PDB file of N, CA and C in Angstrom:
ATOM      1  N   MET A   1       0.784  -1.156  -0.045  1.00  0.00           N
ATOM      2  CA  MET A   1      -0.076  -0.010  -0.138  1.00  0.00           C
ATOM      3  C   MET A   1       0.980   1.290   0.037  1.00  0.00           C
ATOM      4  N   VAL A   2       1.882   1.163   0.854  1.00  0.00           N
ATOM      5  CA  VAL A   2       2.964   2.364   0.962  1.00  0.00           C
ATOM      6  C   VAL A   2       3.516   2.596  -0.291  1.00  0.00           C
ATOM      7  N   ARG A   3       3.978   1.611  -0.962  1.00  0.00           N
ATOM      8  CA  ARG A   3       4.643   1.461  -2.387  1.00  0.00           C
ATOM      9  C   ARG A   3       3.722   2.150  -3.286  1.00  0.00           C
ATOM     10  N   THR A   4       2.486   1.604  -3.478  1.00  0.00           N
ATOM     11  CA  THR A   4       1.587   2.186  -4.310  1.00  0.00           C
ATOM     12  C   THR A   4       1.159   3.773  -4.144  1.00  0.00           C
ATOM     13  N   LEU A   5       1.344   4.104  -2.963  1.00  0.00           N
ATOM     14  CA  LEU A   5       0.848   5.653  -2.550  1.00  0.00           C
ATOM     15  C   LEU A   5       2.280   6.350  -3.115  1.00  0.00           C
ATOM     16  N   ALA A   6       3.180   6.010  -2.813  1.00  0.00           N
ATOM     17  CA  ALA A   6       4.642   6.586  -3.229  1.00  0.00           C
ATOM     18  C   ALA A   6       4.809   6.630  -4.654  1.00  0.00           C
ATOM     19  N   LEU A   7       4.538   5.613  -5.276  1.00  0.00           N
ATOM     20  CA  LEU A   7       4.631   5.413  -6.710  1.00  0.00           C
ATOM     21  C   LEU A   7       3.571   6.581  -7.315  1.00  0.00           C
ATOM     22  N   GLY A   8       2.211   6.449  -6.806  1.00  0.00           N
ATOM     23  CA  GLY A   8       1.432   7.586  -7.163  1.00  0.00           C
ATOM     24  C   GLY A   8       1.835   9.096  -6.912  1.00  0.00           C
ATOM     25  N   LEU A   9       2.314   9.228  -5.887  1.00  0.00           N
ATOM     26  CA  LEU A   9       2.936  10.450  -5.678  1.00  0.00           C
ATOM     27  C   LEU A   9       4.040  11.155  -6.532  1.00  0.00           C
ATOM     28  N   LEU A  10       4.869  10.058  -6.862  1.00  0.00           N
ATOM     29  CA  LEU A  10       6.035  10.277  -7.648  1.00  0.00           C
ATOM     30  C   LEU A  10       5.520  10.670  -8.947  1.00  0.00           C
ATOM     31  N   LEU A  11       4.676   9.669  -9.490  1.00  0.00           N
ATOM     32  CA  LEU A  11       4.028   9.958 -10.839  1.00  0.00           C
ATOM     33  C   LEU A  11       3.253  11.192 -11.025  1.00  0.00           C
ATOM     34  N   SER A  12       2.504  11.615  -9.954  1.00  0.00           N
ATOM     35  CA  SER A  12       1.839  12.765  -9.932  1.00  0.00           C
ATOM     36  C   SER A  12       2.891  14.199 -10.240  1.00  0.00           C
ATOM     37  N   VAL A  13       4.006  14.084  -9.523  1.00  0.00           N
ATOM     38  CA  VAL A  13       4.985  15.094  -9.415  1.00  0.00           C
ATOM     39  C   VAL A  13       5.605  15.173 -10.667  1.00  0.00           C
ATOM     40  N   ALA A  14       6.012  13.952 -11.416  1.00  0.00           N
ATOM     41  CA  ALA A  14       6.628  14.038 -12.496  1.00  0.00           C
ATOM     42  C   ALA A  14       5.678  14.508 -13.758  1.00  0.00           C
ATOM     43  N   VAL A  15       4.307  14.387 -13.654  1.00  0.00           N
ATOM     44  CA  VAL A  15       3.371  14.760 -14.606  1.00  0.00           C
ATOM     45  C   VAL A  15       3.125  16.200 -14.604  1.00  0.00           C
ATOM     46  N   PHE A  16       3.125  16.659 -13.395  1.00  0.00           N
ATOM     47  CA  PHE A  16       2.776  18.213 -13.197  1.00  0.00           C
ATOM     48  C   PHE A  16       3.893  19.102 -13.327  1.00  0.00           C
ATOM     49  N   SER A  17       5.060  18.362 -13.272  1.00  0.00           N
ATOM     50  CA  SER A  17       6.360  19.226 -13.846  1.00  0.00           C
ATOM     51  C   SER A  17       6.712  19.256 -15.159  1.00  0.00           C
ATOM     52  N   LEU A  18       6.000  18.610 -15.859  1.00  0.00           N
ATOM     53  CA  LEU A  18       6.252  18.645 -17.423  1.00  0.00           C
ATOM     54  C   LEU A  18       5.803  19.808 -17.959  1.00  0.00           C
ATOM     55  N   PRO A  19       6.270  20.331 -19.170  1.00  0.00           N
ATOM     56  CA  PRO A  19       5.827  21.405 -19.762  1.00  0.00           C
ATOM     57  C   PRO A  19       4.410  21.258 -20.431  1.00  0.00           C
ATOM     58  N   ALA A  20       3.521  22.271 -20.692  1.00  0.00           N
ATOM     59  CA  ALA A  20       2.150  22.089 -21.104  1.00  0.00           C
ATOM     60  C   ALA A  20       2.202  21.547 -22.517  1.00  0.00           C
ATOM     61  N   CYS A  21       2.994  21.170 -23.119  1.00  0.00           N
ATOM     62  CA  CYS A  21       3.158  20.699 -24.463  1.00  0.00           C
ATOM     63  C   CYS A  21       2.401  19.351 -24.479  1.00  0.00           C
ATOM     64  N   ILE A  22       2.286  18.570 -23.506  1.00  0.00           N
ATOM     65  CA  ILE A  22       1.459  17.453 -23.447  1.00  0.00           C
ATOM     66  C   ILE A  22       0.011  17.432 -23.131  1.00  0.00           C
ATOM     67  N   GLY A  23      -0.371  18.827 -22.941  1.00  0.00           N
ATOM     68  CA  GLY A  23      -1.938  19.132 -22.925  1.00  0.00           C
ATOM     69  C   GLY A  23      -2.240  19.077 -21.270  1.00  0.00           C
ATOM     70  N   ILE A  24      -1.194  18.916 -20.405  1.00  0.00           N
ATOM     71  CA  ILE A  24      -1.724  18.868 -18.964  1.00  0.00           C
ATOM     72  C   ILE A  24      -1.374  20.312 -18.373  1.00  0.00           C
ATOM     73  N   GLY A  25      -2.209  21.083 -18.015  1.00  0.00           N
ATOM     74  CA  GLY A  25      -2.140  22.286 -17.336  1.00  0.00           C
ATOM     75  C   GLY A  25      -1.751  23.466 -18.379  1.00  0.00           C
ATOM     76  N   GLY A  26      -1.878  23.145 -19.574  1.00  0.00           N
ATOM     77  CA  GLY A  26      -1.755  24.081 -20.658  1.00  0.00           C
ATOM     78  C   GLY A  26      -2.990  25.283 -20.678  1.00  0.00           C
ATOM     79  N   ASN A  27      -2.499  26.321 -21.353  1.00  0.00           N
ATOM     80  CA  ASN A  27      -3.334  27.328 -21.430  1.00  0.00           C
ATOM     81  C   ASN A  27      -3.230  27.890 -22.793  1.00  0.00           C
ATOM     82  N   SER A  28      -3.898  29.103 -23.175  1.00  0.00           N
ATOM     83  CA  SER A  28      -4.057  29.426 -24.601  1.00  0.00           C
ATOM     84  C   SER A  28      -2.813  30.341 -24.764  1.00  0.00           C
ATOM     85  N   ASP A  29      -1.885  30.559 -23.786  1.00  0.00           N
ATOM     86  CA  ASP A  29      -0.641  31.396 -24.190  1.00  0.00           C
ATOM     87  C   ASP A  29       0.469  30.145 -24.615  1.00  0.00           C
ATOM     88  N   SER A  30      -0.018  28.968 -24.714  1.00  0.00           N
ATOM     89  CA  SER A  30       1.121  27.927 -25.266  1.00  0.00           C
ATOM     90  C   SER A  30       1.484  28.104 -26.706  1.00  0.00           C
ATOM     91  N   HIS A  31       0.563  28.798 -27.446  1.00  0.00           N
ATOM     92  CA  HIS A  31       0.616  28.912 -28.820  1.00  0.00           C
ATOM     93  C   HIS A  31       0.171  30.163 -29.229  1.00  0.00           C
ATOM     94  N   PRO A  32       0.868  30.787 -30.095  1.00  0.00           N
ATOM     95  CA  PRO A  32       0.490  32.197 -30.569  1.00  0.00           C
ATOM     96  C   PRO A  32      -0.771  32.136 -31.345  1.00  0.00           C
ATOM     97  N   PRO A  33      -1.704  33.126 -31.408  1.00  0.00           N
ATOM     98  CA  PRO A  33      -2.926  32.983 -31.820  1.00  0.00           C
ATOM     99  C   PRO A  33      -2.580  32.951 -33.522  1.00  0.00           C
ATOM    100  N   THR A  34      -3.731  32.328 -34.258  1.00  0.00           N
ATOM    101  CA  THR A  34      -3.432  32.382 -35.616  1.00  0.00           C
ATOM    102  C   THR A  34      -3.899  33.563 -36.341  1.00  0.00           C
ATOM    103  N   GLN A  35      -3.432  33.735 -37.688  1.00  0.00           N
ATOM    104  CA  GLN A  35      -3.593  34.967 -38.235  1.00  0.00           C
ATOM    105  C   GLN A  35      -5.214  35.207 -38.347  1.00  0.00           C
ATOM    106  N   GLY A  36      -5.911  34.301 -38.668  1.00  0.00           N
ATOM    107  CA  GLY A  36      -7.336  34.382 -38.547  1.00  0.00           C
ATOM    108  C   GLY A  36      -7.947  34.679 -37.189  1.00  0.00           C
ATOM    109  N   GLN A  37      -7.487  34.297 -36.344  1.00  0.00           N
ATOM    110  CA  GLN A  37      -7.819  34.725 -34.912  1.00  0.00           C
ATOM    111  C   GLN A  37      -7.331  36.101 -34.435  1.00  0.00           C
ATOM    112  N   GLN A  38      -6.301  36.459 -35.029  1.00  0.00           N
ATOM    113  CA  GLN A  38      -5.766  38.039 -34.701  1.00  0.00           C
ATOM    114  C   GLN A  38      -6.773  38.894 -35.438  1.00  0.00           C
ATOM    115  N   LEU A  39      -7.283  38.412 -36.661  1.00  0.00           N
ATOM    116  CA  LEU A  39      -8.171  39.310 -37.417  1.00  0.00           C
ATOM    117  C   LEU A  39      -9.533  39.400 -36.867  1.00  0.00           C
ATOM    118  N   ILE A  40      -9.994  38.335 -36.320  1.00  0.00           N
ATOM    119  CA  ILE A  40     -11.205  38.433 -35.662  1.00  0.00           C
ATOM    120  C   ILE A  40     -11.162  39.269 -34.274  1.00  0.00           C
ATOM    121  N   ASP A  41     -10.041  39.038 -33.581  1.00  0.00           N
ATOM    122  CA  ASP A  41      -9.814  39.966 -32.323  1.00  0.00           C
ATOM    123  C   ASP A  41      -9.780  41.321 -32.855  1.00  0.00           C
ATOM    124  N   LEU A  42      -9.028  41.790 -33.572  1.00  0.00           N
ATOM    125  CA  LEU A  42      -8.906  43.247 -34.018  1.00  0.00           C
ATOM    126  C   LEU A  42     -10.271  43.640 -34.595  1.00  0.00           C
ATOM    127  N   LYS A  43     -11.341  42.872 -35.264  1.00  0.00           N
ATOM    128  CA  LYS A  43     -12.329  43.368 -35.713  1.00  0.00           C
ATOM    129  C   LYS A  43     -13.359  43.391 -34.652  1.00  0.00           C
ATOM    130  N   ALA A  44     -13.252  42.627 -33.474  1.00  0.00           N
ATOM    131  CA  ALA A  44     -13.936  42.743 -32.266  1.00  0.00           C
ATOM    132  C   ALA A  44     -13.498  44.142 -31.520  1.00  0.00           C
ATOM    133  N   ALA A  45     -12.311  44.486 -31.504  1.00  0.00           N
ATOM    134  CA  ALA A  45     -11.938  45.701 -31.048  1.00  0.00           C
ATOM    135  C   ALA A  45     -12.407  46.853 -31.549  1.00  0.00           C
ATOM    136  N   LEU A  46     -12.413  46.812 -33.141  1.00  0.00           N
ATOM    137  CA  LEU A  46     -12.921  47.964 -33.619  1.00  0.00           C
ATOM    138  C   LEU A  46     -14.414  47.939 -33.459  1.00  0.00           C
ATOM    139  N   ASP A  47     -15.251  46.868 -33.400  1.00  0.00           N
ATOM    140  CA  ASP A  47     -16.770  46.920 -33.140  1.00  0.00           C
ATOM    141  C   ASP A  47     -17.027  47.338 -31.705  1.00  0.00           C
ATOM    142  N   LYS A  48     -16.261  47.207 -30.746  1.00  0.00           N
ATOM    143  CA  LYS A  48     -16.444  47.686 -29.561  1.00  0.00           C
ATOM    144  C   LYS A  48     -15.923  49.152 -29.234  1.00  0.00           C
ATOM    145  N   GLY A  49     -15.284  49.682 -30.236  1.00  0.00           N
ATOM    146  CA  GLY A  49     -14.624  51.011 -30.150  1.00  0.00           C
ATOM    147  C   GLY A  49     -13.600  51.211 -29.503  1.00  0.00           C
ATOM    148  N   ALA A  50     -12.886  50.027 -29.146  1.00  0.00           N
ATOM    149  CA  ALA A  50     -11.609  50.026 -28.362  1.00  0.00           C
ATOM    150  C   ALA A  50     -10.382  50.687 -29.275  1.00  0.00           C
ATOM    151  N   ILE A  51     -10.693  50.463 -30.640  1.00  0.00           N
ATOM    152  CA  ILE A  51      -9.676  51.267 -31.515  1.00  0.00           C
ATOM    153  C   ILE A  51     -10.361  52.040 -32.715  1.00  0.00           C
ATOM    154  N   THR A  52      -9.648  52.677 -33.310  1.00  0.00           N
ATOM    155  CA  THR A  52     -10.247  53.526 -34.481  1.00  0.00           C
ATOM    156  C   THR A  52     -10.200  52.761 -35.780  1.00  0.00           C
ATOM    157  N   GLN A  53     -10.768  53.071 -36.711  1.00  0.00           N
ATOM    158  CA  GLN A  53     -10.871  52.615 -38.099  1.00  0.00           C
ATOM    159  C   GLN A  53      -9.275  52.723 -38.743  1.00  0.00           C
ATOM    160  N   ALA A  54      -8.573  53.845 -38.504  1.00  0.00           N
ATOM    161  CA  ALA A  54      -7.300  54.062 -38.915  1.00  0.00           C
ATOM    162  C   ALA A  54      -6.486  52.996 -38.339  1.00  0.00           C
ATOM    163  N   GLU A  55      -6.637  52.801 -37.037  1.00  0.00           N
ATOM    164  CA  GLU A  55      -5.661  51.888 -36.295  1.00  0.00           C
ATOM    165  C   GLU A  55      -6.060  50.379 -36.772  1.00  0.00           C
ATOM    166  N   TYR A  56      -7.208  50.077 -37.022  1.00  0.00           N
ATOM    167  CA  TYR A  56      -7.802  48.782 -37.481  1.00  0.00           C
ATOM    168  C   TYR A  56      -7.093  48.694 -38.681  1.00  0.00           C
ATOM    169  N   ASP A  57      -7.135  49.481 -39.655  1.00  0.00           N
ATOM    170  CA  ASP A  57      -6.481  49.225 -41.043  1.00  0.00           C
ATOM    171  C   ASP A  57      -5.092  48.962 -41.039  1.00  0.00           C
ATOM    172  N   GLN A  58      -4.345  49.774 -40.088  1.00  0.00           N
ATOM    173  CA  GLN A  58      -2.986  49.787 -40.042  1.00  0.00           C
ATOM    174  C   GLN A  58      -2.683  48.252 -39.631  1.00  0.00           C
ATOM    175  N   LYS A  59      -3.195  48.206 -38.312  1.00  0.00           N
ATOM    176  CA  LYS A  59      -2.921  46.741 -37.885  1.00  0.00           C
ATOM    177  C   LYS A  59      -3.473  45.348 -38.646  1.00  0.00           C
ATOM    178  N   LYS A  60      -4.467  45.651 -39.408  1.00  0.00           N
ATOM    179  CA  LYS A  60      -4.834  44.392 -40.231  1.00  0.00           C
ATOM    180  C   LYS A  60      -3.728  44.461 -41.305  1.00  0.00           C
ATOM    181  N   ALA A  61      -3.388  45.457 -41.789  1.00  0.00           N
ATOM    182  CA  ALA A  61      -2.296  45.150 -42.988  1.00  0.00           C
ATOM    183  C   ALA A  61      -0.970  44.656 -42.283  1.00  0.00           C
ATOM    184  N   GLN A  62      -0.472  44.954 -41.135  1.00  0.00           N
ATOM    185  CA  GLN A  62       0.347  44.247 -40.511  1.00  0.00           C
ATOM    186  C   GLN A  62       0.237  42.877 -40.408  1.00  0.00           C
ATOM    187  N   ILE A  63      -0.916  42.444 -39.874  1.00  0.00           N
ATOM    188  CA  ILE A  63      -1.315  41.143 -39.781  1.00  0.00           C
ATOM    189  C   ILE A  63      -1.200  40.181 -40.998  1.00  0.00           C
ATOM    190  N   LEU A  64      -1.732  40.839 -42.113  1.00  0.00           N
ATOM    191  CA  LEU A  64      -1.861  40.084 -43.263  1.00  0.00           C
ATOM    192  C   LEU A  64      -0.496  40.056 -44.040  1.00  0.00           C
ATOM    193  N   ALA A  65       0.484  41.119 -43.561  1.00  0.00           N
ATOM    194  CA  ALA A  65       1.854  41.167 -44.046  1.00  0.00           C
ATOM    195  C   ALA A  65       2.742  40.035 -43.332  1.00  0.00           C
ATOM    196  N   GLY A  66       2.177  39.601 -42.423  1.00  0.00           N
ATOM    197  CA  GLY A  66       2.998  38.437 -41.440  1.00  0.00           C
ATOM    198  C   GLY A  66       3.837  39.236 -40.499  1.00  0.00           C
ATOM    199  N   ARG A  67       3.539  40.404 -40.180  1.00  0.00           N
ATOM    200  CA  ARG A  67       4.379  41.168 -39.057  1.00  0.00           C
ATOM    201  C   ARG A  67       3.905  41.149 -37.714  1.00  0.00           C
TER     202      ARG A  67
END
């Protein structure tokens, strides 16, 4: 019983210390957003009035140019 608990604890520590690349404890910051997602977010910011049309146009051009 003690051996099983010790093995379980050791395995738990090993799994949670691994990077998020295996899908455990990962978050949306693990991968940069796609170009499409950036455009969707940018349009949402424009629609909410968080940015101006000129800022939208400039940033959209940068995203589409891959910068």
